[in-house]
Amino acid sequence: MSQVHHTIDYVEINVSDMAAAKAFYEQAFGWVFNDYGPTYAGIRAASGDGEVGGLDGTGTPGPGGPLVLLFSDDLDATVAAVTSAGGTITAGPYAFPGGRRFEFADPSGNVLGAWATS
């Protein structure tokens, strides 16, 4: 995995319960993790080459941090996956100039978003 200048390279998500957070992101989005002990798990890149972020069990989770947006090929299916995995929809889905998006809270209270071109 090569890094690209001025692009998002890594995102850390603070979580209050590592097992619950991993289960949520695995179920909702199919994420796979590299475990580095009980308080940190790296989020593997979709390509399998490197990591794009991590779950940090030592920080303080909650809304108000950077809004991380995930891309979705099927926004309605992503909404269903989030709610099925135990997430809470906090906004949307709604239209915006680039397509549609929604925001959600994970089981630790972190607010993220997902968007699609249509």
PDB file of N, CA and C in Angstrom:
ATOM      1  N   MET A   1       0.847  -1.170   0.000  1.00  0.00           N
ATOM      2  CA  MET A   1       0.000   0.000   0.000  1.00  0.00           C
ATOM      3  C   MET A   1       0.891   1.231   0.000  1.00  0.00           C
ATOM      4  N   SER A   2       0.710   2.080  -0.994  1.00  0.00           N
ATOM      5  CA  SER A   2       1.520   3.294  -1.044  1.00  0.00           C
ATOM      6  C   SER A   2       0.700   4.481  -0.569  1.00  0.00           C
ATOM      7  N   GLN A   3       1.373   5.417   0.070  1.00  0.00           N
ATOM      8  CA  GLN A   3       0.716   6.606   0.562  1.00  0.00           C
ATOM      9  C   GLN A   3       0.675   7.663  -0.540  1.00  0.00           C
ATOM     10  N   VAL A   4      -0.363   8.504  -0.508  1.00  0.00           N
ATOM     11  CA  VAL A   4      -0.529   9.561  -1.488  1.00  0.00           C
ATOM     12  C   VAL A   4      -0.551  10.890  -0.742  1.00  0.00           C
ATOM     13  N   HIS A   5       0.259  11.837  -1.216  1.00  0.00           N
ATOM     14  CA  HIS A   5       0.399  13.145  -0.582  1.00  0.00           C
ATOM     15  C   HIS A   5      -0.948  13.838  -0.431  1.00  0.00           C
ATOM     16  N   HIS A   6      -1.243  14.373   0.744  1.00  0.00           N
ATOM     17  CA  HIS A   6      -2.429  15.161   1.062  1.00  0.00           C
ATOM     18  C   HIS A   6      -3.737  14.371   0.974  1.00  0.00           C
ATOM     19  N   THR A   7      -3.691  13.083   1.235  1.00  0.00           N
ATOM     20  CA  THR A   7      -4.910  12.277   1.291  1.00  0.00           C
ATOM     21  C   THR A   7      -5.044  11.664   2.678  1.00  0.00           C
ATOM     22  N   ILE A   8      -6.225  11.272   3.045  1.00  0.00           N
ATOM     23  CA  ILE A   8      -6.399  10.594   4.324  1.00  0.00           C
ATOM     24  C   ILE A   8      -5.613   9.299   4.273  1.00  0.00           C
ATOM     25  N   ASP A   9      -4.782   9.096   5.273  1.00  0.00           N
ATOM     26  CA  ASP A   9      -3.904   7.936   5.287  1.00  0.00           C
ATOM     27  C   ASP A   9      -4.287   6.941   6.366  1.00  0.00           C
ATOM     28  N   TYR A  10      -4.826   7.413   7.488  1.00  0.00           N
ATOM     29  CA  TYR A  10      -5.099   6.537   8.619  1.00  0.00           C
ATOM     30  C   TYR A  10      -6.101   7.232   9.523  1.00  0.00           C
ATOM     31  N   VAL A  11      -7.079   6.522  10.001  1.00  0.00           N
ATOM     32  CA  VAL A  11      -8.081   7.090  10.898  1.00  0.00           C
ATOM     33  C   VAL A  11      -8.169   6.204  12.129  1.00  0.00           C
ATOM     34  N   GLU A  12      -8.047   6.803  13.300  1.00  0.00           N
ATOM     35  CA  GLU A  12      -8.218   6.053  14.539  1.00  0.00           C
ATOM     36  C   GLU A  12      -9.572   6.372  15.143  1.00  0.00           C
ATOM     37  N   ILE A  13     -10.285   5.330  15.520  1.00  0.00           N
ATOM     38  CA  ILE A  13     -11.605   5.468  16.108  1.00  0.00           C
ATOM     39  C   ILE A  13     -11.508   5.019  17.558  1.00  0.00           C
ATOM     40  N   ASN A  14     -11.787   5.920  18.490  1.00  0.00           N
ATOM     41  CA  ASN A  14     -11.790   5.569  19.903  1.00  0.00           C
ATOM     42  C   ASN A  14     -13.026   4.734  20.215  1.00  0.00           C
ATOM     43  N   VAL A  15     -12.841   3.657  20.962  1.00  0.00           N
ATOM     44  CA  VAL A  15     -13.953   2.768  21.296  1.00  0.00           C
ATOM     45  C   VAL A  15     -13.933   2.453  22.788  1.00  0.00           C
ATOM     46  N   SER A  16     -15.114   2.209  23.344  1.00  0.00           N
ATOM     47  CA  SER A  16     -15.210   1.880  24.763  1.00  0.00           C
ATOM     48  C   SER A  16     -15.210   0.385  25.012  1.00  0.00           C
ATOM     49  N   ASP A  17     -15.524  -0.412  24.000  1.00  0.00           N
ATOM     50  CA  ASP A  17     -15.577  -1.871  24.124  1.00  0.00           C
ATOM     51  C   ASP A  17     -15.019  -2.461  22.838  1.00  0.00           C
ATOM     52  N   MET A  18     -13.778  -2.953  22.889  1.00  0.00           N
ATOM     53  CA  MET A  18     -13.100  -3.438  21.699  1.00  0.00           C
ATOM     54  C   MET A  18     -13.870  -4.565  21.013  1.00  0.00           C
ATOM     55  N   ALA A  19     -14.345  -5.524  21.773  1.00  0.00           N
ATOM     56  CA  ALA A  19     -15.057  -6.659  21.181  1.00  0.00           C
ATOM     57  C   ALA A  19     -16.333  -6.198  20.477  1.00  0.00           C
ATOM     58  N   ALA A  20     -17.097  -5.317  21.121  1.00  0.00           N
ATOM     59  CA  ALA A  20     -18.337  -4.820  20.514  1.00  0.00           C
ATOM     60  C   ALA A  20     -18.038  -3.997  19.264  1.00  0.00           C
ATOM     61  N   ALA A  21     -16.990  -3.170  19.312  1.00  0.00           N
ATOM     62  CA  ALA A  21     -16.634  -2.344  18.162  1.00  0.00           C
ATOM     63  C   ALA A  21     -16.204  -3.212  16.984  1.00  0.00           C
ATOM     64  N   LYS A  22     -15.348  -4.199  17.238  1.00  0.00           N
ATOM     65  CA  LYS A  22     -14.910  -5.076  16.155  1.00  0.00           C
ATOM     66  C   LYS A  22     -16.092  -5.831  15.560  1.00  0.00           C
ATOM     67  N   ALA A  23     -16.978  -6.343  16.400  1.00  0.00           N
ATOM     68  CA  ALA A  23     -18.151  -7.076  15.908  1.00  0.00           C
ATOM     69  C   ALA A  23     -19.025  -6.164  15.053  1.00  0.00           C
ATOM     70  N   PHE A  24     -19.228  -4.914  15.495  1.00  0.00           N
ATOM     71  CA  PHE A  24     -20.041  -3.969  14.740  1.00  0.00           C
ATOM     72  C   PHE A  24     -19.445  -3.721  13.364  1.00  0.00           C
ATOM     73  N   TYR A  25     -18.174  -3.343  13.291  1.00  0.00           N
ATOM     74  CA  TYR A  25     -17.563  -3.002  12.009  1.00  0.00           C
ATOM     75  C   TYR A  25     -17.385  -4.224  11.104  1.00  0.00           C
ATOM     76  N   GLU A  26     -17.162  -5.389  11.687  1.00  0.00           N
ATOM     77  CA  GLU A  26     -17.109  -6.619  10.879  1.00  0.00           C
ATOM     78  C   GLU A  26     -18.473  -6.899  10.264  1.00  0.00           C
ATOM     79  N   GLN A  27     -19.527  -6.829  11.068  1.00  0.00           N
ATOM     80  CA  GLN A  27     -20.867  -7.158  10.587  1.00  0.00           C
ATOM     81  C   GLN A  27     -21.393  -6.102   9.620  1.00  0.00           C
ATOM     82  N   ALA A  28     -21.225  -4.833   9.955  1.00  0.00           N
ATOM     83  CA  ALA A  28     -21.791  -3.767   9.126  1.00  0.00           C
ATOM     84  C   ALA A  28     -21.049  -3.578   7.809  1.00  0.00           C
ATOM     85  N   PHE A  29     -19.707  -3.681   7.831  1.00  0.00           N
ATOM     86  CA  PHE A  29     -18.919  -3.322   6.657  1.00  0.00           C
ATOM     87  C   PHE A  29     -17.940  -4.394   6.177  1.00  0.00           C
ATOM     88  N   GLY A  30     -17.852  -5.510   6.885  1.00  0.00           N
ATOM     89  CA  GLY A  30     -16.928  -6.562   6.476  1.00  0.00           C
ATOM     90  C   GLY A  30     -15.472  -6.250   6.757  1.00  0.00           C
ATOM     91  N   TRP A  31     -15.208  -5.311   7.690  1.00  0.00           N
ATOM     92  CA  TRP A  31     -13.824  -4.960   7.997  1.00  0.00           C
ATOM     93  C   TRP A  31     -13.109  -6.126   8.669  1.00  0.00           C
ATOM     94  N   VAL A  32     -11.816  -6.217   8.420  1.00  0.00           N
ATOM     95  CA  VAL A  32     -10.950  -7.236   9.007  1.00  0.00           C
ATOM     96  C   VAL A  32      -9.875  -6.501   9.803  1.00  0.00           C
ATOM     97  N   PHE A  33      -9.456  -7.087  10.907  1.00  0.00           N
ATOM     98  CA  PHE A  33      -8.554  -6.398  11.827  1.00  0.00           C
ATOM     99  C   PHE A  33      -7.267  -7.159  12.070  1.00  0.00           C
ATOM    100  N   ASN A  34      -6.222  -6.407  12.397  1.00  0.00           N
ATOM    101  CA  ASN A  34      -4.975  -6.936  12.935  1.00  0.00           C
ATOM    102  C   ASN A  34      -4.972  -6.578  14.414  1.00  0.00           C
ATOM    103  N   ASP A  35      -4.963  -7.581  15.272  1.00  0.00           N
ATOM    104  CA  ASP A  35      -4.990  -7.325  16.712  1.00  0.00           C
ATOM    105  C   ASP A  35      -3.593  -7.059  17.245  1.00  0.00           C
ATOM    106  N   TYR A  36      -3.476  -5.993  18.037  1.00  0.00           N
ATOM    107  CA  TYR A  36      -2.213  -5.619  18.670  1.00  0.00           C
ATOM    108  C   TYR A  36      -2.383  -5.573  20.185  1.00  0.00           C
ATOM    109  N   GLY A  37      -3.060  -6.546  20.722  1.00  0.00           N
ATOM    110  CA  GLY A  37      -3.331  -6.584  22.151  1.00  0.00           C
ATOM    111  C   GLY A  37      -4.769  -6.224  22.424  1.00  0.00           C
ATOM    112  N   PRO A  38      -5.139  -6.141  23.697  1.00  0.00           N
ATOM    113  CA  PRO A  38      -6.545  -5.942  24.056  1.00  0.00           C
ATOM    114  C   PRO A  38      -7.079  -4.527  23.814  1.00  0.00           C
ATOM    115  N   THR A  39      -6.203  -3.545  23.565  1.00  0.00           N
ATOM    116  CA  THR A  39      -6.684  -2.173  23.434  1.00  0.00           C
ATOM    117  C   THR A  39      -6.465  -1.548  22.058  1.00  0.00           C
ATOM    118  N   TYR A  40      -5.984  -2.322  21.086  1.00  0.00           N
ATOM    119  CA  TYR A  40      -5.789  -1.742  19.758  1.00  0.00           C
ATOM    120  C   TYR A  40      -5.958  -2.804  18.680  1.00  0.00           C
ATOM    121  N   ALA A  41      -6.678  -2.418  17.627  1.00  0.00           N
ATOM    122  CA  ALA A  41      -6.835  -3.295  16.465  1.00  0.00           C
ATOM    123  C   ALA A  41      -6.693  -2.454  15.210  1.00  0.00           C
ATOM    124  N   GLY A  42      -5.769  -2.829  14.339  1.00  0.00           N
ATOM    125  CA  GLY A  42      -5.593  -2.129  13.071  1.00  0.00           C
ATOM    126  C   GLY A  42      -6.676  -2.544  12.090  1.00  0.00           C
ATOM    127  N   ILE A  43      -7.172  -1.596  11.313  1.00  0.00           N
ATOM    128  CA  ILE A  43      -8.181  -1.877  10.288  1.00  0.00           C
ATOM    129  C   ILE A  43      -7.436  -2.162   8.982  1.00  0.00           C
ATOM    130  N   ARG A  44      -7.539  -3.389   8.505  1.00  0.00           N
ATOM    131  CA  ARG A  44      -6.838  -3.762   7.269  1.00  0.00           C
ATOM    132  C   ARG A  44      -7.439  -3.053   6.060  1.00  0.00           C
ATOM    133  N   ALA A  45      -6.569  -2.677   5.138  1.00  0.00           N
ATOM    134  CA  ALA A  45      -7.023  -2.092   3.878  1.00  0.00           C
ATOM    135  C   ALA A  45      -7.827  -3.131   3.109  1.00  0.00           C
ATOM    136  N   ALA A  46      -8.809  -2.677   2.340  1.00  0.00           N
ATOM    137  CA  ALA A  46      -9.641  -3.593   1.556  1.00  0.00           C
ATOM    138  C   ALA A  46      -8.804  -4.437   0.603  1.00  0.00           C
ATOM    139  N   SER A  47      -7.688  -3.880   0.140  1.00  0.00           N
ATOM    140  CA  SER A  47      -6.807  -4.617  -0.771  1.00  0.00           C
ATOM    141  C   SER A  47      -6.029  -5.715  -0.060  1.00  0.00           C
ATOM    142  N   GLY A  48      -6.030  -5.667   1.285  1.00  0.00           N
ATOM    143  CA  GLY A  48      -5.238  -6.619   2.059  1.00  0.00           C
ATOM    144  C   GLY A  48      -3.806  -6.164   2.254  1.00  0.00           C
ATOM    145  N   ASP A  49      -3.460  -5.032   1.659  1.00  0.00           N
ATOM    146  CA  ASP A  49      -2.101  -4.506   1.720  1.00  0.00           C
ATOM    147  C   ASP A  49      -2.043  -3.324   2.682  1.00  0.00           C
ATOM    148  N   GLY A  50      -1.628  -3.567   3.917  1.00  0.00           N
ATOM    149  CA  GLY A  50      -1.502  -2.489   4.887  1.00  0.00           C
ATOM    150  C   GLY A  50      -2.772  -2.235   5.670  1.00  0.00           C
ATOM    151  N   GLU A  51      -2.783  -1.103   6.356  1.00  0.00           N
ATOM    152  CA  GLU A  51      -3.910  -0.706   7.189  1.00  0.00           C
ATOM    153  C   GLU A  51      -4.332   0.710   6.833  1.00  0.00           C
ATOM    154  N   VAL A  52      -5.620   0.999   7.053  1.00  0.00           N
ATOM    155  CA  VAL A  52      -6.151   2.335   6.790  1.00  0.00           C
ATOM    156  C   VAL A  52      -6.540   3.060   8.066  1.00  0.00           C
ATOM    157  N   GLY A  53      -6.467   2.369   9.191  1.00  0.00           N
ATOM    158  CA  GLY A  53      -6.838   2.978  10.456  1.00  0.00           C
ATOM    159  C   GLY A  53      -6.782   1.977  11.575  1.00  0.00           C
ATOM    160  N   GLY A  54      -7.356   2.364  12.708  1.00  0.00           N
ATOM    161  CA  GLY A  54      -7.344   1.482  13.854  1.00  0.00           C
ATOM    162  C   GLY A  54      -8.454   1.801  14.831  1.00  0.00           C
ATOM    163  N   LEU A  55      -8.783   0.817  15.666  1.00  0.00           N
ATOM    164  CA  LEU A  55      -9.698   0.997  16.788  1.00  0.00           C
ATOM    165  C   LEU A  55      -8.836   1.116  18.032  1.00  0.00           C
ATOM    166  N   ASP A  56      -9.001   2.229  18.763  1.00  0.00           N
ATOM    167  CA  ASP A  56      -8.179   2.513  19.934  1.00  0.00           C
ATOM    168  C   ASP A  56      -9.037   2.423  21.191  1.00  0.00           C
ATOM    169  N   GLY A  57      -8.761   1.424  22.017  1.00  0.00           N
ATOM    170  CA  GLY A  57      -9.510   1.220  23.250  1.00  0.00           C
ATOM    171  C   GLY A  57      -9.025   2.051  24.409  1.00  0.00           C
ATOM    172  N   THR A  58      -8.021   2.905  24.199  1.00  0.00           N
ATOM    173  CA  THR A  58      -7.492   3.713  25.304  1.00  0.00           C
ATOM    174  C   THR A  58      -7.983   5.155  25.264  1.00  0.00           C
ATOM    175  N   GLY A  59      -8.619   5.559  24.162  1.00  0.00           N
ATOM    176  CA  GLY A  59      -9.090   6.933  24.032  1.00  0.00           C
ATOM    177  C   GLY A  59     -10.501   7.085  24.566  1.00  0.00           C
ATOM    178  N   THR A  60     -11.054   8.273  24.410  1.00  0.00           N
ATOM    179  CA  THR A  60     -12.412   8.569  24.846  1.00  0.00           C
ATOM    180  C   THR A  60     -13.303   8.692  23.621  1.00  0.00           C
ATOM    181  N   PRO A  61     -14.227   7.736  23.429  1.00  0.00           N
ATOM    182  CA  PRO A  61     -15.095   7.807  22.253  1.00  0.00           C
ATOM    183  C   PRO A  61     -16.199   8.842  22.419  1.00  0.00           C
ATOM    184  N   GLY A  62     -16.760   9.236  21.314  1.00  0.00           N
ATOM    185  CA  GLY A  62     -17.907  10.120  21.351  1.00  0.00           C
ATOM    186  C   GLY A  62     -18.008  10.982  20.119  1.00  0.00           C
ATOM    187  N   PRO A  63     -19.157  11.615  19.959  1.00  0.00           N
ATOM    188  CA  PRO A  63     -19.343  12.496  18.812  1.00  0.00           C
ATOM    189  C   PRO A  63     -18.510  13.764  18.957  1.00  0.00           C
ATOM    190  N   GLY A  64     -18.301  14.448  17.853  1.00  0.00           N
ATOM    191  CA  GLY A  64     -17.596  15.714  17.886  1.00  0.00           C
ATOM    192  C   GLY A  64     -16.195  15.660  17.312  1.00  0.00           C
ATOM    193  N   GLY A  65     -15.690  14.477  17.055  1.00  0.00           N
ATOM    194  CA  GLY A  65     -14.383  14.354  16.424  1.00  0.00           C
ATOM    195  C   GLY A  65     -14.524  14.520  14.919  1.00  0.00           C
ATOM    196  N   PRO A  66     -13.474  14.214  14.178  1.00  0.00           N
ATOM    197  CA  PRO A  66     -13.558  14.316  12.726  1.00  0.00           C
ATOM    198  C   PRO A  66     -14.657  13.390  12.197  1.00  0.00           C
ATOM    199  N   LEU A  67     -15.374  13.851  11.182  1.00  0.00           N
ATOM    200  CA  LEU A  67     -16.395  13.014  10.564  1.00  0.00           C
ATOM    201  C   LEU A  67     -15.742  12.188   9.473  1.00  0.00           C
ATOM    202  N   VAL A  68     -15.676  10.912   9.691  1.00  0.00           N
ATOM    203  CA  VAL A  68     -15.123   9.991   8.714  1.00  0.00           C
ATOM    204  C   VAL A  68     -16.266   9.530   7.823  1.00  0.00           C
ATOM    205  N   LEU A  69     -16.081   9.654   6.511  1.00  0.00           N
ATOM    206  CA  LEU A  69     -17.098   9.224   5.561  1.00  0.00           C
ATOM    207  C   LEU A  69     -16.631   7.985   4.815  1.00  0.00           C
ATOM    208  N   LEU A  70     -17.509   6.999   4.749  1.00  0.00           N
ATOM    209  CA  LEU A  70     -17.260   5.777   4.013  1.00  0.00           C
ATOM    210  C   LEU A  70     -18.033   5.840   2.707  1.00  0.00           C
ATOM    211  N   PHE A  71     -17.494   5.277   1.640  1.00  0.00           N
ATOM    212  CA  PHE A  71     -18.210   5.221   0.374  1.00  0.00           C
ATOM    213  C   PHE A  71     -19.069   3.966   0.338  1.00  0.00           C
ATOM    214  N   SER A  72     -20.224   4.041  -0.296  1.00  0.00           N
ATOM    215  CA  SER A  72     -21.117   2.892  -0.421  1.00  0.00           C
ATOM    216  C   SER A  72     -21.602   2.766  -1.857  1.00  0.00           C
ATOM    217  N   ASP A  73     -21.601   1.549  -2.376  1.00  0.00           N
ATOM    218  CA  ASP A  73     -22.186   1.283  -3.692  1.00  0.00           C
ATOM    219  C   ASP A  73     -23.707   1.220  -3.605  1.00  0.00           C
ATOM    220  N   ASP A  74     -24.258   0.942  -2.422  1.00  0.00           N
ATOM    221  CA  ASP A  74     -25.701   0.805  -2.214  1.00  0.00           C
ATOM    222  C   ASP A  74     -26.034   1.384  -0.844  1.00  0.00           C
ATOM    223  N   LEU A  75     -26.402   2.656  -0.809  1.00  0.00           N
ATOM    224  CA  LEU A  75     -26.586   3.350   0.457  1.00  0.00           C
ATOM    225  C   LEU A  75     -27.699   2.728   1.300  1.00  0.00           C
ATOM    226  N   ASP A  76     -28.784   2.324   0.670  1.00  0.00           N
ATOM    227  CA  ASP A  76     -29.881   1.732   1.435  1.00  0.00           C
ATOM    228  C   ASP A  76     -29.452   0.428   2.099  1.00  0.00           C
ATOM    229  N   ALA A  77     -28.655  -0.376   1.412  1.00  0.00           N
ATOM    230  CA  ALA A  77     -28.140  -1.611   2.010  1.00  0.00           C
ATOM    231  C   ALA A  77     -27.184  -1.299   3.153  1.00  0.00           C
ATOM    232  N   THR A  78     -26.420  -0.215   3.024  1.00  0.00           N
ATOM    233  CA  THR A  78     -25.501   0.172   4.090  1.00  0.00           C
ATOM    234  C   THR A  78     -26.279   0.634   5.318  1.00  0.00           C
ATOM    235  N   VAL A  79     -27.358   1.385   5.120  1.00  0.00           N
ATOM    236  CA  VAL A  79     -28.214   1.780   6.241  1.00  0.00           C
ATOM    237  C   VAL A  79     -28.722   0.531   6.959  1.00  0.00           C
ATOM    238  N   ALA A  80     -29.191  -0.445   6.200  1.00  0.00           N
ATOM    239  CA  ALA A  80     -29.703  -1.689   6.787  1.00  0.00           C
ATOM    240  C   ALA A  80     -28.610  -2.435   7.540  1.00  0.00           C
ATOM    241  N   ALA A  81     -27.403  -2.475   6.991  1.00  0.00           N
ATOM    242  CA  ALA A  81     -26.299  -3.175   7.645  1.00  0.00           C
ATOM    243  C   ALA A  81     -25.918  -2.494   8.952  1.00  0.00           C
ATOM    244  N   VAL A  82     -25.898  -1.165   8.951  1.00  0.00           N
ATOM    245  CA  VAL A  82     -25.555  -0.417  10.160  1.00  0.00           C
ATOM    246  C   VAL A  82     -26.574  -0.690  11.260  1.00  0.00           C
ATOM    247  N   THR A  83     -27.843  -0.595  10.937  1.00  0.00           N
ATOM    248  CA  THR A  83     -28.867  -0.807  11.963  1.00  0.00           C
ATOM    249  C   THR A  83     -28.890  -2.261  12.419  1.00  0.00           C
ATOM    250  N   SER A  84     -28.696  -3.191  11.509  1.00  0.00           N
ATOM    251  CA  SER A  84     -28.671  -4.611  11.866  1.00  0.00           C
ATOM    252  C   SER A  84     -27.503  -4.937  12.799  1.00  0.00           C
ATOM    253  N   ALA A  85     -26.385  -4.214  12.616  1.00  0.00           N
ATOM    254  CA  ALA A  85     -25.201  -4.457  13.436  1.00  0.00           C
ATOM    255  C   ALA A  85     -25.261  -3.746  14.780  1.00  0.00           C
ATOM    256  N   GLY A  86     -26.310  -2.958  15.021  1.00  0.00           N
ATOM    257  CA  GLY A  86     -26.443  -2.280  16.305  1.00  0.00           C
ATOM    258  C   GLY A  86     -26.133  -0.801  16.282  1.00  0.00           C
ATOM    259  N   GLY A  87     -25.918  -0.234  15.098  1.00  0.00           N
ATOM    260  CA  GLY A  87     -25.677   1.200  14.994  1.00  0.00           C
ATOM    261  C   GLY A  87     -26.980   1.977  15.012  1.00  0.00           C
ATOM    262  N   THR A  88     -26.873   3.289  15.213  1.00  0.00           N
ATOM    263  CA  THR A  88     -28.036   4.166  15.261  1.00  0.00           C
ATOM    264  C   THR A  88     -27.891   5.232  14.185  1.00  0.00           C
ATOM    265  N   ILE A  89     -28.888   5.370  13.339  1.00  0.00           N
ATOM    266  CA  ILE A  89     -28.862   6.402  12.309  1.00  0.00           C
ATOM    267  C   ILE A  89     -29.125   7.747  13.000  1.00  0.00           C
ATOM    268  N   THR A  90     -28.212   8.705  12.808  1.00  0.00           N
ATOM    269  CA  THR A  90     -28.344  10.011  13.456  1.00  0.00           C
ATOM    270  C   THR A  90     -28.783  11.101  12.485  1.00  0.00           C
ATOM    271  N   ALA A  91     -28.625  10.891  11.182  1.00  0.00           N
ATOM    272  CA  ALA A  91     -29.053  11.863  10.171  1.00  0.00           C
ATOM    273  C   ALA A  91     -29.221  11.157   8.834  1.00  0.00           C
ATOM    274  N   GLY A  92     -30.330  11.461   8.158  1.00  0.00           N
ATOM    275  CA  GLY A  92     -30.530  10.960   6.806  1.00  0.00           C
ATOM    276  C   GLY A  92     -31.125   9.577   6.736  1.00  0.00           C
ATOM    277  N   PRO A  93     -31.001   9.005   5.558  1.00  0.00           N
ATOM    278  CA  PRO A  93     -30.295   9.468   4.362  1.00  0.00           C
ATOM    279  C   PRO A  93     -30.912  10.741   3.774  1.00  0.00           C
ATOM    280  N   TYR A  94     -30.035  11.561   3.183  1.00  0.00           N
ATOM    281  CA  TYR A  94     -30.474  12.802   2.578  1.00  0.00           C
ATOM    282  C   TYR A  94     -29.613  13.090   1.355  1.00  0.00           C
ATOM    283  N   ALA A  95     -30.172  13.907   0.447  1.00  0.00           N
ATOM    284  CA  ALA A  95     -29.449  14.288  -0.764  1.00  0.00           C
ATOM    285  C   ALA A  95     -28.473  15.405  -0.439  1.00  0.00           C
ATOM    286  N   PHE A  96     -27.342  15.386  -1.130  1.00  0.00           N
ATOM    287  CA  PHE A  96     -26.378  16.487  -1.076  1.00  0.00           C
ATOM    288  C   PHE A  96     -25.809  16.620  -2.484  1.00  0.00           C
ATOM    289  N   PRO A  97     -25.057  17.669  -2.808  1.00  0.00           N
ATOM    290  CA  PRO A  97     -24.652  17.890  -4.198  1.00  0.00           C
ATOM    291  C   PRO A  97     -23.926  16.720  -4.865  1.00  0.00           C
ATOM    292  N   GLY A  98     -23.271  15.846  -4.097  1.00  0.00           N
ATOM    293  CA  GLY A  98     -22.547  14.731  -4.701  1.00  0.00           C
ATOM    294  C   GLY A  98     -23.331  13.432  -4.767  1.00  0.00           C
ATOM    295  N   GLY A  99     -24.549  13.404  -4.199  1.00  0.00           N
ATOM    296  CA  GLY A  99     -25.330  12.168  -4.189  1.00  0.00           C
ATOM    297  C   GLY A  99     -26.235  12.106  -2.975  1.00  0.00           C
ATOM    298  N   ARG A 100     -26.097  11.036  -2.200  1.00  0.00           N
ATOM    299  CA  ARG A 100     -26.868  10.859  -0.962  1.00  0.00           C
ATOM    300  C   ARG A 100     -25.929  10.406   0.132  1.00  0.00           C
ATOM    301  N   ARG A 101     -26.290  10.718   1.384  1.00  0.00           N
ATOM    302  CA  ARG A 101     -25.474  10.283   2.508  1.00  0.00           C
ATOM    303  C   ARG A 101     -26.318  10.144   3.762  1.00  0.00           C
ATOM    304  N   PHE A 102     -25.726   9.504   4.770  1.00  0.00           N
ATOM    305  CA  PHE A 102     -26.340   9.437   6.086  1.00  0.00           C
ATOM    306  C   PHE A 102     -25.225   9.403   7.110  1.00  0.00           C
ATOM    307  N   GLU A 103     -25.588   9.674   8.353  1.00  0.00           N
ATOM    308  CA  GLU A 103     -24.636   9.598   9.452  1.00  0.00           C
ATOM    309  C   GLU A 103     -25.183   8.638  10.487  1.00  0.00           C
ATOM    310  N   PHE A 104     -24.286   8.007  11.208  1.00  0.00           N
ATOM    311  CA  PHE A 104     -24.686   7.004  12.192  1.00  0.00           C
ATOM    312  C   PHE A 104     -23.741   7.015  13.372  1.00  0.00           C
ATOM    313  N   ALA A 105     -24.229   6.498  14.498  1.00  0.00           N
ATOM    314  CA  ALA A 105     -23.395   6.312  15.682  1.00  0.00           C
ATOM    315  C   ALA A 105     -23.123   4.828  15.841  1.00  0.00           C
ATOM    316  N   ASP A 106     -21.858   4.489  16.127  1.00  0.00           N
ATOM    317  CA  ASP A 106     -21.513   3.099  16.410  1.00  0.00           C
ATOM    318  C   ASP A 106     -21.836   2.808  17.873  1.00  0.00           C
ATOM    319  N   PRO A 107     -21.661   1.558  18.336  1.00  0.00           N
ATOM    320  CA  PRO A 107     -22.017   1.233  19.716  1.00  0.00           C
ATOM    321  C   PRO A 107     -21.260   2.041  20.776  1.00  0.00           C
ATOM    322  N   SER A 108     -20.102   2.621  20.443  1.00  0.00           N
ATOM    323  CA  SER A 108     -19.359   3.441  21.395  1.00  0.00           C
ATOM    324  C   SER A 108     -19.782   4.900  21.354  1.00  0.00           C
ATOM    325  N   GLY A 109     -20.642   5.279  20.414  1.00  0.00           N
ATOM    326  CA  GLY A 109     -21.099   6.657  20.298  1.00  0.00           C
ATOM    327  C   GLY A 109     -20.359   7.477  19.260  1.00  0.00           C
ATOM    328  N   ASN A 110     -19.384   6.891  18.557  1.00  0.00           N
ATOM    329  CA  ASN A 110     -18.695   7.611  17.496  1.00  0.00           C
ATOM    330  C   ASN A 110     -19.652   7.841  16.334  1.00  0.00           C
ATOM    331  N   VAL A 111     -19.635   9.056  15.769  1.00  0.00           N
ATOM    332  CA  VAL A 111     -20.491   9.375  14.640  1.00  0.00           C
ATOM    333  C   VAL A 111     -19.661   9.361  13.366  1.00  0.00           C
ATOM    334  N   LEU A 112     -20.085   8.561  12.411  1.00  0.00           N
ATOM    335  CA  LEU A 112     -19.460   8.461  11.104  1.00  0.00           C
ATOM    336  C   LEU A 112     -20.533   8.658  10.057  1.00  0.00           C
ATOM    337  N   GLY A 113     -20.139   8.703   8.794  1.00  0.00           N
ATOM    338  CA  GLY A 113     -21.101   8.839   7.713  1.00  0.00           C
ATOM    339  C   GLY A 113     -20.775   7.902   6.581  1.00  0.00           C
ATOM    340  N   ALA A 114     -21.739   7.732   5.705  1.00  0.00           N
ATOM    341  CA  ALA A 114     -21.537   6.959   4.481  1.00  0.00           C
ATOM    342  C   ALA A 114     -22.244   7.714   3.367  1.00  0.00           C
ATOM    343  N   TRP A 115     -21.675   7.630   2.159  1.00  0.00           N
ATOM    344  CA  TRP A 115     -22.260   8.341   1.042  1.00  0.00           C
ATOM    345  C   TRP A 115     -22.213   7.489  -0.219  1.00  0.00           C
ATOM    346  N   ALA A 116     -23.083   7.839  -1.148  1.00  0.00           N
ATOM    347  CA  ALA A 116     -23.136   7.170  -2.445  1.00  0.00           C
ATOM    348  C   ALA A 116     -23.414   8.228  -3.505  1.00  0.00           C
ATOM    349  N   THR A 117     -23.052   7.929  -4.728  1.00  0.00           N
ATOM    350  CA  THR A 117     -23.240   8.899  -5.808  1.00  0.00           C
ATOM    351  C   THR A 117     -24.701   9.020  -6.236  1.00  0.00           C
ATOM    352  N   SER A 118     -25.524   8.045  -5.865  1.00  0.00           N
ATOM    353  CA  SER A 118     -26.953   8.139  -6.230  1.00  0.00           C
ATOM    354  C   SER A 118     -27.821   7.659  -5.091  1.00  0.00           C
TER     355      SER A 118
END
